[in-house]
Amino acid sequence: METIKKDMDTVVEDFIKSDHLKKGDVFVLGCSTSEIFGERIGTSGSEQVAAIVFDAVKKLKEKTGIHLAFQCCEHLNRALVVERETMERFQLEEVSVVPVPNAGGSMASYAYKHLEDPVVVEFIRADAGMDIGETLIGMHLKHVAVPFRLSKKFVKNARVTAAYTRPKLIGGRRANYESTRS
């Protein structure tokens, strides 16, 4: 468990030190606690591991002022657990389901039990995110996703991938992408 905590502290610190998260951004987390233990996704979930991951991303929220979204597993169509405040601010639509370890995943289940006023929504367009254990968060990121290279490639045994987003570059050859405001 200490390895997981250290790994999570490192990847969270990478995001805190970067300039990729702004107050009010949405950060989506996909996490397979089974993969962290070196098992196949969806086979050995652990809310004990979820607690460590949750505490780490909660620090990320506190330091940056972001909104968190915890992705459920494919059994809930990768819906997301968010705070009601987040749902209302981004005009998201609540769906009726409560994630549990065997239908939603240990991470989403833990988040649902530990957020202040949790709800589940079907879709979100996040500004950044982290995928621990190849849970496929891409469907919840805004266009255009840019890979964010973390200093650690694994949280214990699970591959970790991260991204932030940027606005689309439009207009072609004649377009100017640098701000001219002073």
N, C-alpha and C. Protein backbone atom coordinates (compact mmCIF):
# COMPACT_ATOMS: atom_id res chain seq x y z
N MET A 1 0.82 -1.20 0.00
CA MET A 1 0.00 0.00 0.00
C MET A 1 0.86 1.26 0.00
N GLU A 2 2.01 1.17 0.64
CA GLU A 2 2.91 2.33 0.68
C GLU A 2 3.41 2.69 -0.72
N THR A 3 3.69 1.68 -1.54
CA THR A 3 4.11 1.92 -2.93
C THR A 3 3.03 2.65 -3.71
N ILE A 4 1.80 2.24 -3.54
CA ILE A 4 0.68 2.87 -4.24
C ILE A 4 0.57 4.33 -3.81
N LYS A 5 0.66 4.59 -2.52
CA LYS A 5 0.58 5.96 -2.01
C LYS A 5 1.71 6.82 -2.58
N LYS A 6 2.93 6.31 -2.57
CA LYS A 6 4.07 7.07 -3.11
C LYS A 6 3.88 7.34 -4.60
N ASP A 7 3.48 6.33 -5.35
CA ASP A 7 3.27 6.50 -6.79
C ASP A 7 2.19 7.54 -7.06
N MET A 8 1.09 7.47 -6.33
CA MET A 8 0.00 8.44 -6.52
C MET A 8 0.44 9.85 -6.13
N ASP A 9 1.17 9.97 -5.04
CA ASP A 9 1.67 11.29 -4.64
C ASP A 9 2.55 11.89 -5.75
N THR A 10 3.35 11.05 -6.39
CA THR A 10 4.24 11.53 -7.46
C THR A 10 3.45 12.01 -8.66
N VAL A 11 2.49 11.21 -9.14
CA VAL A 11 1.74 11.63 -10.34
C VAL A 11 0.85 12.83 -10.06
N VAL A 12 0.30 12.92 -8.87
CA VAL A 12 -0.49 14.10 -8.51
C VAL A 12 0.41 15.33 -8.45
N GLU A 13 1.57 15.20 -7.88
CA GLU A 13 2.51 16.32 -7.82
C GLU A 13 2.92 16.77 -9.22
N ASP A 14 3.07 15.83 -10.16
CA ASP A 14 3.36 16.19 -11.55
C ASP A 14 2.28 17.13 -12.10
N PHE A 15 1.01 16.80 -11.84
CA PHE A 15 -0.07 17.65 -12.32
C PHE A 15 -0.09 18.99 -11.59
N ILE A 16 0.16 18.99 -10.30
CA ILE A 16 0.16 20.24 -9.53
C ILE A 16 1.25 21.18 -10.06
N LYS A 17 2.43 20.64 -10.35
CA LYS A 17 3.54 21.46 -10.83
C LYS A 17 3.34 21.94 -12.27
N SER A 18 2.55 21.23 -13.04
CA SER A 18 2.33 21.61 -14.44
C SER A 18 1.44 22.85 -14.48
N ASP A 19 1.33 23.41 -15.65
CA ASP A 19 0.46 24.57 -15.84
C ASP A 19 -0.81 24.14 -16.58
N HIS A 20 -1.17 22.88 -16.51
CA HIS A 20 -2.26 22.34 -17.31
C HIS A 20 -3.62 22.39 -16.63
N LEU A 21 -3.68 22.59 -15.34
CA LEU A 21 -4.95 22.62 -14.64
C LEU A 21 -5.24 24.02 -14.12
N LYS A 22 -6.44 24.48 -14.44
CA LYS A 22 -6.89 25.79 -13.98
C LYS A 22 -8.08 25.61 -13.05
N LYS A 23 -8.27 26.54 -12.14
CA LYS A 23 -9.41 26.49 -11.25
C LYS A 23 -10.70 26.37 -12.07
N GLY A 24 -11.55 25.43 -11.68
CA GLY A 24 -12.81 25.23 -12.38
C GLY A 24 -12.76 24.17 -13.47
N ASP A 25 -11.56 23.70 -13.85
CA ASP A 25 -11.45 22.63 -14.84
C ASP A 25 -12.06 21.34 -14.31
N VAL A 26 -12.43 20.46 -15.22
CA VAL A 26 -12.90 19.13 -14.86
C VAL A 26 -11.78 18.14 -15.13
N PHE A 27 -11.50 17.29 -14.15
CA PHE A 27 -10.46 16.27 -14.23
C PHE A 27 -11.14 14.91 -14.06
N VAL A 28 -11.02 14.07 -15.08
CA VAL A 28 -11.63 12.75 -15.03
C VAL A 28 -10.57 11.71 -14.63
N LEU A 29 -10.95 10.82 -13.73
CA LEU A 29 -10.07 9.75 -13.30
C LEU A 29 -10.72 8.42 -13.64
N GLY A 30 -10.00 7.60 -14.37
CA GLY A 30 -10.37 6.22 -14.58
C GLY A 30 -9.35 5.38 -13.85
N CYS A 31 -9.79 4.40 -13.08
CA CYS A 31 -8.84 3.64 -12.26
C CYS A 31 -9.30 2.21 -12.07
N SER A 32 -8.44 1.28 -12.44
CA SER A 32 -8.67 -0.13 -12.14
C SER A 32 -7.82 -0.51 -10.94
N THR A 33 -8.46 -0.70 -9.80
CA THR A 33 -7.71 -1.12 -8.62
C THR A 33 -7.18 -2.54 -8.81
N SER A 34 -7.84 -3.35 -9.63
CA SER A 34 -7.34 -4.70 -9.95
C SER A 34 -5.99 -4.61 -10.65
N GLU A 35 -5.90 -3.73 -11.66
CA GLU A 35 -4.66 -3.58 -12.42
C GLU A 35 -3.53 -3.07 -11.52
N ILE A 36 -3.84 -2.22 -10.56
CA ILE A 36 -2.81 -1.75 -9.64
C ILE A 36 -2.17 -2.94 -8.92
N PHE A 37 -2.98 -3.94 -8.59
CA PHE A 37 -2.46 -5.15 -7.94
C PHE A 37 -1.84 -6.13 -8.91
N GLY A 38 -1.85 -5.81 -10.21
CA GLY A 38 -1.27 -6.70 -11.21
C GLY A 38 -2.23 -7.76 -11.71
N GLU A 39 -3.51 -7.58 -11.43
CA GLU A 39 -4.54 -8.53 -11.87
C GLU A 39 -5.28 -7.94 -13.08
N ARG A 40 -6.03 -8.78 -13.76
CA ARG A 40 -6.80 -8.34 -14.92
C ARG A 40 -7.92 -7.39 -14.47
N ILE A 41 -8.13 -6.33 -15.23
CA ILE A 41 -9.15 -5.33 -14.93
C ILE A 41 -10.48 -6.01 -14.60
N GLY A 42 -11.11 -5.54 -13.53
CA GLY A 42 -12.43 -6.04 -13.15
C GLY A 42 -12.45 -7.35 -12.39
N THR A 43 -11.29 -7.85 -11.96
CA THR A 43 -11.27 -9.17 -11.31
C THR A 43 -10.93 -9.14 -9.83
N SER A 44 -10.27 -8.10 -9.36
CA SER A 44 -9.79 -8.09 -7.97
C SER A 44 -9.87 -6.70 -7.37
N GLY A 45 -10.99 -6.05 -7.53
CA GLY A 45 -11.14 -4.69 -7.05
C GLY A 45 -10.91 -4.56 -5.56
N SER A 46 -10.46 -3.37 -5.17
CA SER A 46 -10.15 -3.12 -3.77
C SER A 46 -10.52 -1.69 -3.39
N GLU A 47 -11.45 -1.55 -2.46
CA GLU A 47 -11.78 -0.21 -1.99
C GLU A 47 -10.67 0.34 -1.09
N GLN A 48 -9.83 -0.52 -0.56
CA GLN A 48 -8.67 -0.06 0.21
C GLN A 48 -7.70 0.68 -0.71
N VAL A 49 -7.47 0.15 -1.90
CA VAL A 49 -6.64 0.83 -2.89
C VAL A 49 -7.35 2.09 -3.38
N ALA A 50 -8.66 1.98 -3.62
CA ALA A 50 -9.45 3.14 -4.06
C ALA A 50 -9.31 4.29 -3.07
N ALA A 51 -9.26 3.98 -1.78
CA ALA A 51 -9.13 5.02 -0.76
C ALA A 51 -7.82 5.79 -0.92
N ILE A 52 -6.76 5.09 -1.22
CA ILE A 52 -5.45 5.74 -1.41
C ILE A 52 -5.49 6.65 -2.64
N VAL A 53 -6.04 6.14 -3.73
CA VAL A 53 -6.14 6.92 -4.96
C VAL A 53 -7.04 8.13 -4.74
N PHE A 54 -8.18 7.93 -4.10
CA PHE A 54 -9.13 9.01 -3.80
C PHE A 54 -8.46 10.11 -3.00
N ASP A 55 -7.74 9.75 -1.95
CA ASP A 55 -7.07 10.75 -1.11
C ASP A 55 -6.07 11.56 -1.92
N ALA A 56 -5.37 10.91 -2.84
CA ALA A 56 -4.38 11.61 -3.65
C ALA A 56 -5.04 12.61 -4.60
N VAL A 57 -6.10 12.19 -5.29
CA VAL A 57 -6.74 13.13 -6.23
C VAL A 57 -7.54 14.20 -5.48
N LYS A 58 -7.95 13.91 -4.27
CA LYS A 58 -8.59 14.93 -3.45
C LYS A 58 -7.59 16.06 -3.14
N LYS A 59 -6.33 15.70 -2.92
CA LYS A 59 -5.28 16.71 -2.73
C LYS A 59 -5.11 17.54 -4.00
N LEU A 60 -5.19 16.88 -5.16
CA LEU A 60 -5.09 17.58 -6.43
C LEU A 60 -6.21 18.62 -6.54
N LYS A 61 -7.41 18.23 -6.16
CA LYS A 61 -8.55 19.15 -6.19
C LYS A 61 -8.32 20.33 -5.25
N GLU A 62 -7.87 20.03 -4.04
CA GLU A 62 -7.64 21.09 -3.04
C GLU A 62 -6.58 22.08 -3.49
N LYS A 63 -5.53 21.59 -4.13
CA LYS A 63 -4.42 22.46 -4.55
C LYS A 63 -4.73 23.27 -5.81
N THR A 64 -5.62 22.76 -6.68
CA THR A 64 -5.83 23.40 -7.97
C THR A 64 -7.23 24.00 -8.16
N GLY A 65 -8.20 23.59 -7.36
CA GLY A 65 -9.55 24.09 -7.51
C GLY A 65 -10.34 23.45 -8.64
N ILE A 66 -9.95 22.25 -9.03
CA ILE A 66 -10.64 21.54 -10.12
C ILE A 66 -11.87 20.80 -9.61
N HIS A 67 -12.67 20.31 -10.54
CA HIS A 67 -13.79 19.42 -10.26
C HIS A 67 -13.34 18.01 -10.61
N LEU A 68 -13.68 17.04 -9.79
CA LEU A 68 -13.32 15.65 -10.05
C LEU A 68 -14.50 14.87 -10.62
N ALA A 69 -14.18 13.96 -11.53
CA ALA A 69 -15.16 13.03 -12.09
C ALA A 69 -14.52 11.65 -12.08
N PHE A 70 -15.18 10.69 -11.44
CA PHE A 70 -14.65 9.33 -11.31
C PHE A 70 -15.40 8.42 -12.27
N GLN A 71 -14.69 7.86 -13.22
CA GLN A 71 -15.32 7.03 -14.25
C GLN A 71 -15.66 5.65 -13.71
N CYS A 72 -16.88 5.21 -13.99
CA CYS A 72 -17.32 3.85 -13.67
C CYS A 72 -16.79 2.90 -14.74
N CYS A 73 -16.92 1.61 -14.47
CA CYS A 73 -16.49 0.60 -15.44
C CYS A 73 -17.52 0.45 -16.55
N GLU A 74 -17.22 -0.42 -17.50
CA GLU A 74 -18.10 -0.58 -18.66
C GLU A 74 -19.47 -1.14 -18.31
N HIS A 75 -19.62 -1.78 -17.15
CA HIS A 75 -20.93 -2.31 -16.75
C HIS A 75 -21.94 -1.19 -16.50
N LEU A 76 -21.44 0.01 -16.25
CA LEU A 76 -22.30 1.19 -16.13
C LEU A 76 -22.03 2.16 -17.28
N ASN A 77 -21.57 1.61 -18.40
CA ASN A 77 -21.32 2.39 -19.61
C ASN A 77 -20.36 3.55 -19.40
N ARG A 78 -19.43 3.38 -18.48
CA ARG A 78 -18.43 4.38 -18.16
C ARG A 78 -19.03 5.72 -17.72
N ALA A 79 -20.18 5.64 -17.05
CA ALA A 79 -20.77 6.83 -16.45
C ALA A 79 -19.79 7.40 -15.43
N LEU A 80 -20.11 8.54 -14.85
CA LEU A 80 -19.17 9.23 -13.97
C LEU A 80 -19.82 9.67 -12.67
N VAL A 81 -19.07 9.53 -11.60
CA VAL A 81 -19.50 10.01 -10.29
C VAL A 81 -18.90 11.40 -10.10
N VAL A 82 -19.77 12.36 -9.82
CA VAL A 82 -19.35 13.75 -9.59
C VAL A 82 -20.13 14.31 -8.41
N GLU A 83 -19.70 15.45 -7.93
CA GLU A 83 -20.48 16.18 -6.92
C GLU A 83 -21.70 16.80 -7.60
N ARG A 84 -22.78 16.91 -6.89
CA ARG A 84 -23.99 17.54 -7.42
C ARG A 84 -23.67 18.95 -7.93
N GLU A 85 -22.83 19.66 -7.22
CA GLU A 85 -22.42 21.01 -7.61
C GLU A 85 -21.79 21.01 -9.01
N THR A 86 -20.98 20.00 -9.30
CA THR A 86 -20.37 19.87 -10.63
C THR A 86 -21.43 19.61 -11.68
N MET A 87 -22.36 18.72 -11.37
CA MET A 87 -23.45 18.41 -12.30
C MET A 87 -24.23 19.69 -12.64
N GLU A 88 -24.55 20.45 -11.63
CA GLU A 88 -25.34 21.66 -11.84
C GLU A 88 -24.55 22.73 -12.60
N ARG A 89 -23.30 22.90 -12.24
CA ARG A 89 -22.48 23.95 -12.87
C ARG A 89 -22.31 23.69 -14.37
N PHE A 90 -22.14 22.42 -14.74
CA PHE A 90 -21.90 22.10 -16.14
C PHE A 90 -23.16 21.60 -16.85
N GLN A 91 -24.30 21.77 -16.20
CA GLN A 91 -25.60 21.39 -16.76
C GLN A 91 -25.60 19.96 -17.29
N LEU A 92 -25.14 19.05 -16.44
CA LEU A 92 -25.11 17.63 -16.79
C LEU A 92 -26.41 16.98 -16.33
N GLU A 93 -26.72 15.84 -16.90
CA GLU A 93 -27.96 15.15 -16.57
C GLU A 93 -27.66 13.95 -15.67
N GLU A 94 -28.32 13.93 -14.52
CA GLU A 94 -28.17 12.83 -13.58
C GLU A 94 -28.84 11.56 -14.11
N VAL A 95 -28.21 10.42 -13.86
CA VAL A 95 -28.81 9.12 -14.17
C VAL A 95 -29.02 8.37 -12.86
N SER A 96 -29.94 7.42 -12.88
CA SER A 96 -30.30 6.68 -11.67
C SER A 96 -29.52 5.38 -11.57
N VAL A 97 -28.45 5.42 -10.82
CA VAL A 97 -27.66 4.23 -10.54
C VAL A 97 -26.73 4.55 -9.37
N VAL A 98 -26.42 3.55 -8.60
CA VAL A 98 -25.44 3.68 -7.53
C VAL A 98 -24.32 2.69 -7.83
N PRO A 99 -23.11 3.17 -8.10
CA PRO A 99 -22.02 2.24 -8.40
C PRO A 99 -21.65 1.40 -7.19
N VAL A 100 -21.40 0.13 -7.44
CA VAL A 100 -20.91 -0.81 -6.43
C VAL A 100 -19.68 -1.49 -7.03
N PRO A 101 -18.86 -2.13 -6.22
CA PRO A 101 -17.63 -2.70 -6.77
C PRO A 101 -17.83 -3.61 -7.99
N ASN A 102 -18.89 -4.41 -8.02
CA ASN A 102 -19.08 -5.33 -9.15
C ASN A 102 -19.85 -4.72 -10.31
N ALA A 103 -20.34 -3.52 -10.18
CA ALA A 103 -21.03 -2.82 -11.27
C ALA A 103 -20.76 -1.33 -11.10
N GLY A 104 -19.67 -0.92 -11.63
CA GLY A 104 -19.22 0.46 -11.49
C GLY A 104 -17.74 0.52 -11.16
N GLY A 105 -17.30 -0.48 -10.39
CA GLY A 105 -15.89 -0.56 -10.03
C GLY A 105 -15.64 -0.03 -8.63
N SER A 106 -14.57 -0.52 -8.04
CA SER A 106 -14.22 -0.13 -6.67
C SER A 106 -13.93 1.36 -6.53
N MET A 107 -13.29 1.96 -7.55
CA MET A 107 -12.95 3.38 -7.46
C MET A 107 -14.21 4.23 -7.48
N ALA A 108 -15.10 3.99 -8.43
CA ALA A 108 -16.34 4.78 -8.51
C ALA A 108 -17.22 4.54 -7.28
N SER A 109 -17.26 3.29 -6.84
CA SER A 109 -18.04 2.95 -5.65
C SER A 109 -17.52 3.71 -4.43
N TYR A 110 -16.21 3.72 -4.26
CA TYR A 110 -15.60 4.43 -3.13
C TYR A 110 -15.89 5.93 -3.23
N ALA A 111 -15.71 6.49 -4.42
CA ALA A 111 -15.96 7.93 -4.60
C ALA A 111 -17.41 8.27 -4.27
N TYR A 112 -18.34 7.43 -4.71
CA TYR A 112 -19.76 7.69 -4.45
C TYR A 112 -20.02 7.72 -2.95
N LYS A 113 -19.35 6.88 -2.19
CA LYS A 113 -19.54 6.83 -0.74
C LYS A 113 -18.84 7.98 0.00
N HIS A 114 -17.86 8.62 -0.65
CA HIS A 114 -17.04 9.58 0.08
C HIS A 114 -17.10 11.02 -0.44
N LEU A 115 -17.79 11.26 -1.54
CA LEU A 115 -18.00 12.65 -1.96
C LEU A 115 -19.10 13.24 -1.07
N GLU A 116 -19.16 14.56 -1.01
CA GLU A 116 -20.14 15.22 -0.13
C GLU A 116 -21.58 14.98 -0.59
N ASP A 117 -21.85 15.20 -1.87
CA ASP A 117 -23.20 15.06 -2.42
C ASP A 117 -23.09 14.43 -3.81
N PRO A 118 -22.82 13.12 -3.87
CA PRO A 118 -22.52 12.48 -5.15
C PRO A 118 -23.76 12.23 -6.00
N VAL A 119 -23.54 12.33 -7.30
CA VAL A 119 -24.53 11.93 -8.30
C VAL A 119 -23.76 11.23 -9.41
N VAL A 120 -24.50 10.52 -10.26
CA VAL A 120 -23.88 9.87 -11.41
C VAL A 120 -24.44 10.53 -12.66
N VAL A 121 -23.54 10.85 -13.59
CA VAL A 121 -23.91 11.43 -14.88
C VAL A 121 -23.36 10.53 -15.98
N GLU A 122 -23.97 10.64 -17.15
CA GLU A 122 -23.59 9.75 -18.24
C GLU A 122 -22.40 10.26 -19.05
N PHE A 123 -22.31 11.58 -19.21
CA PHE A 123 -21.27 12.17 -20.06
C PHE A 123 -20.67 13.39 -19.39
N ILE A 124 -19.43 13.68 -19.78
CA ILE A 124 -18.78 14.91 -19.35
C ILE A 124 -17.73 15.24 -20.40
N ARG A 125 -17.32 16.49 -20.49
CA ARG A 125 -16.24 16.90 -21.39
C ARG A 125 -15.14 17.48 -20.50
N ALA A 126 -14.22 16.64 -20.09
CA ALA A 126 -13.19 17.04 -19.13
C ALA A 126 -12.03 17.77 -19.79
N ASP A 127 -11.39 18.61 -19.00
CA ASP A 127 -10.24 19.39 -19.45
C ASP A 127 -8.93 18.61 -19.34
N ALA A 128 -8.93 17.61 -18.48
CA ALA A 128 -7.72 16.80 -18.27
C ALA A 128 -8.15 15.50 -17.59
N GLY A 129 -7.22 14.58 -17.52
CA GLY A 129 -7.56 13.34 -16.85
C GLY A 129 -6.38 12.41 -16.71
N MET A 130 -6.63 11.35 -15.94
CA MET A 130 -5.61 10.34 -15.71
C MET A 130 -6.29 8.98 -15.75
N ASP A 131 -5.64 8.06 -16.43
CA ASP A 131 -6.15 6.71 -16.61
C ASP A 131 -5.15 5.75 -15.97
N ILE A 132 -5.59 5.08 -14.92
CA ILE A 132 -4.74 4.13 -14.22
C ILE A 132 -5.26 2.73 -14.51
N GLY A 133 -4.50 1.97 -15.29
CA GLY A 133 -4.90 0.60 -15.60
C GLY A 133 -5.70 0.45 -16.88
N GLU A 134 -5.52 1.39 -17.82
CA GLU A 134 -6.12 1.31 -19.15
C GLU A 134 -7.64 1.18 -19.12
N THR A 135 -8.28 2.12 -18.44
CA THR A 135 -9.74 2.12 -18.31
C THR A 135 -10.44 2.93 -19.40
N LEU A 136 -9.67 3.54 -20.29
CA LEU A 136 -10.21 4.23 -21.48
C LEU A 136 -11.05 5.46 -21.16
N ILE A 137 -10.40 6.49 -20.65
CA ILE A 137 -11.10 7.74 -20.30
C ILE A 137 -11.30 8.67 -21.48
N GLY A 138 -10.72 8.37 -22.62
CA GLY A 138 -10.71 9.29 -23.76
C GLY A 138 -12.07 9.80 -24.17
N MET A 139 -13.11 8.98 -24.00
CA MET A 139 -14.45 9.41 -24.40
C MET A 139 -14.97 10.58 -23.57
N HIS A 140 -14.31 10.87 -22.46
CA HIS A 140 -14.75 11.95 -21.59
C HIS A 140 -13.87 13.19 -21.65
N LEU A 141 -12.88 13.20 -22.55
CA LEU A 141 -12.00 14.36 -22.69
C LEU A 141 -12.47 15.24 -23.83
N LYS A 142 -12.30 16.55 -23.67
CA LYS A 142 -12.57 17.49 -24.75
C LYS A 142 -11.59 17.23 -25.89
N HIS A 143 -11.97 17.70 -27.09
CA HIS A 143 -11.01 17.72 -28.19
C HIS A 143 -10.19 18.97 -27.98
N VAL A 144 -8.97 19.03 -28.07
CA VAL A 144 -7.98 18.09 -28.55
C VAL A 144 -7.18 17.62 -27.33
N ALA A 145 -7.09 16.30 -27.13
CA ALA A 145 -6.34 15.75 -26.01
C ALA A 145 -4.84 15.75 -26.35
N VAL A 146 -4.05 16.17 -25.37
CA VAL A 146 -2.59 16.23 -25.53
C VAL A 146 -1.98 15.32 -24.45
N PRO A 147 -1.13 14.38 -24.83
CA PRO A 147 -0.51 13.52 -23.81
C PRO A 147 0.28 14.34 -22.80
N PHE A 148 0.16 14.00 -21.55
CA PHE A 148 0.94 14.63 -20.49
C PHE A 148 1.86 13.56 -19.93
N ARG A 149 3.14 13.75 -20.11
CA ARG A 149 4.12 12.77 -19.68
C ARG A 149 4.37 12.91 -18.18
N LEU A 150 4.00 11.87 -17.45
CA LEU A 150 4.21 11.83 -16.01
C LEU A 150 5.59 11.29 -15.71
N SER A 151 6.12 11.59 -14.55
CA SER A 151 7.44 11.08 -14.19
C SER A 151 7.40 9.59 -13.84
N LYS A 152 6.21 9.08 -13.54
CA LYS A 152 6.03 7.64 -13.28
C LYS A 152 5.12 7.08 -14.35
N LYS A 153 5.46 5.93 -14.89
CA LYS A 153 4.64 5.29 -15.92
C LYS A 153 3.69 4.26 -15.33
N PHE A 154 3.85 3.95 -14.05
CA PHE A 154 3.02 2.95 -13.39
C PHE A 154 2.65 3.42 -12.00
N VAL A 155 1.45 3.05 -11.56
CA VAL A 155 1.07 3.11 -10.16
C VAL A 155 1.07 1.65 -9.74
N LYS A 156 2.08 1.28 -8.98
CA LYS A 156 2.39 -0.11 -8.66
C LYS A 156 2.47 -0.91 -9.95
N ASN A 157 1.48 -1.73 -10.30
CA ASN A 157 1.53 -2.55 -11.51
C ASN A 157 0.70 -2.01 -12.67
N ALA A 158 -0.05 -0.96 -12.45
CA ALA A 158 -0.96 -0.45 -13.48
C ALA A 158 -0.32 0.68 -14.28
N ARG A 159 -0.38 0.54 -15.59
CA ARG A 159 0.11 1.61 -16.47
C ARG A 159 -0.74 2.85 -16.24
N VAL A 160 -0.07 4.00 -16.17
CA VAL A 160 -0.79 5.26 -15.96
C VAL A 160 -0.52 6.18 -17.15
N THR A 161 -1.61 6.71 -17.69
CA THR A 161 -1.56 7.62 -18.83
C THR A 161 -2.33 8.87 -18.44
N ALA A 162 -1.85 10.01 -18.88
CA ALA A 162 -2.53 11.26 -18.54
C ALA A 162 -2.59 12.16 -19.77
N ALA A 163 -3.54 13.07 -19.73
CA ALA A 163 -3.70 14.02 -20.83
C ALA A 163 -4.33 15.30 -20.31
N TYR A 164 -4.08 16.37 -21.04
CA TYR A 164 -4.80 17.62 -20.84
C TYR A 164 -5.37 17.98 -22.20
N THR A 165 -6.21 18.97 -22.27
CA THR A 165 -6.78 19.34 -23.56
C THR A 165 -6.41 20.78 -23.89
N ARG A 166 -6.52 21.09 -25.15
CA ARG A 166 -6.30 22.46 -25.62
C ARG A 166 -7.37 22.78 -26.64
N PRO A 167 -7.64 24.07 -26.87
CA PRO A 167 -8.61 24.42 -27.90
C PRO A 167 -8.13 23.96 -29.28
N LYS A 168 -9.08 23.67 -30.16
CA LYS A 168 -8.74 23.29 -31.53
C LYS A 168 -8.07 24.47 -32.23
N LEU A 169 -7.10 24.19 -33.07
CA LEU A 169 -6.49 25.21 -33.91
C LEU A 169 -7.29 25.23 -35.21
N ILE A 170 -7.92 26.35 -35.50
CA ILE A 170 -8.74 26.44 -36.71
C ILE A 170 -8.25 27.60 -37.57
N GLY A 171 -8.57 27.60 -38.84
CA GLY A 171 -8.29 28.75 -39.69
C GLY A 171 -7.22 28.54 -40.73
N GLY A 172 -6.42 27.49 -40.62
CA GLY A 172 -5.43 27.22 -41.65
C GLY A 172 -4.22 28.12 -41.63
N ARG A 173 -3.57 28.23 -42.82
CA ARG A 173 -2.29 28.94 -42.95
C ARG A 173 -2.31 30.38 -42.50
N ARG A 174 -3.40 31.07 -42.74
CA ARG A 174 -3.43 32.50 -42.44
C ARG A 174 -3.81 32.81 -41.00
N ALA A 175 -4.20 31.82 -40.26
CA ALA A 175 -4.66 32.04 -38.89
C ALA A 175 -3.48 32.38 -37.98
N ASN A 176 -3.78 33.18 -36.97
CA ASN A 176 -2.80 33.52 -35.95
C ASN A 176 -3.24 32.84 -34.66
N TYR A 177 -2.35 32.12 -34.02
CA TYR A 177 -2.69 31.39 -32.80
C TYR A 177 -2.14 32.06 -31.54
N GLU A 178 -1.43 33.14 -31.70
CA GLU A 178 -0.90 33.86 -30.54
C GLU A 178 -1.84 35.02 -30.23
N SER A 179 -2.11 35.25 -28.96
CA SER A 179 -2.98 36.33 -28.55
C SER A 179 -2.32 37.68 -28.83
N THR A 180 -3.09 38.61 -29.35
CA THR A 180 -2.55 39.95 -29.61
C THR A 180 -2.99 40.94 -28.54
N ARG A 181 -3.73 40.45 -27.54
CA ARG A 181 -4.16 41.33 -26.45
C ARG A 181 -2.95 41.66 -25.56
N SER A 182 -2.95 42.88 -25.04
CA SER A 182 -1.86 43.23 -24.13
C SER A 182 -2.33 43.38 -22.73
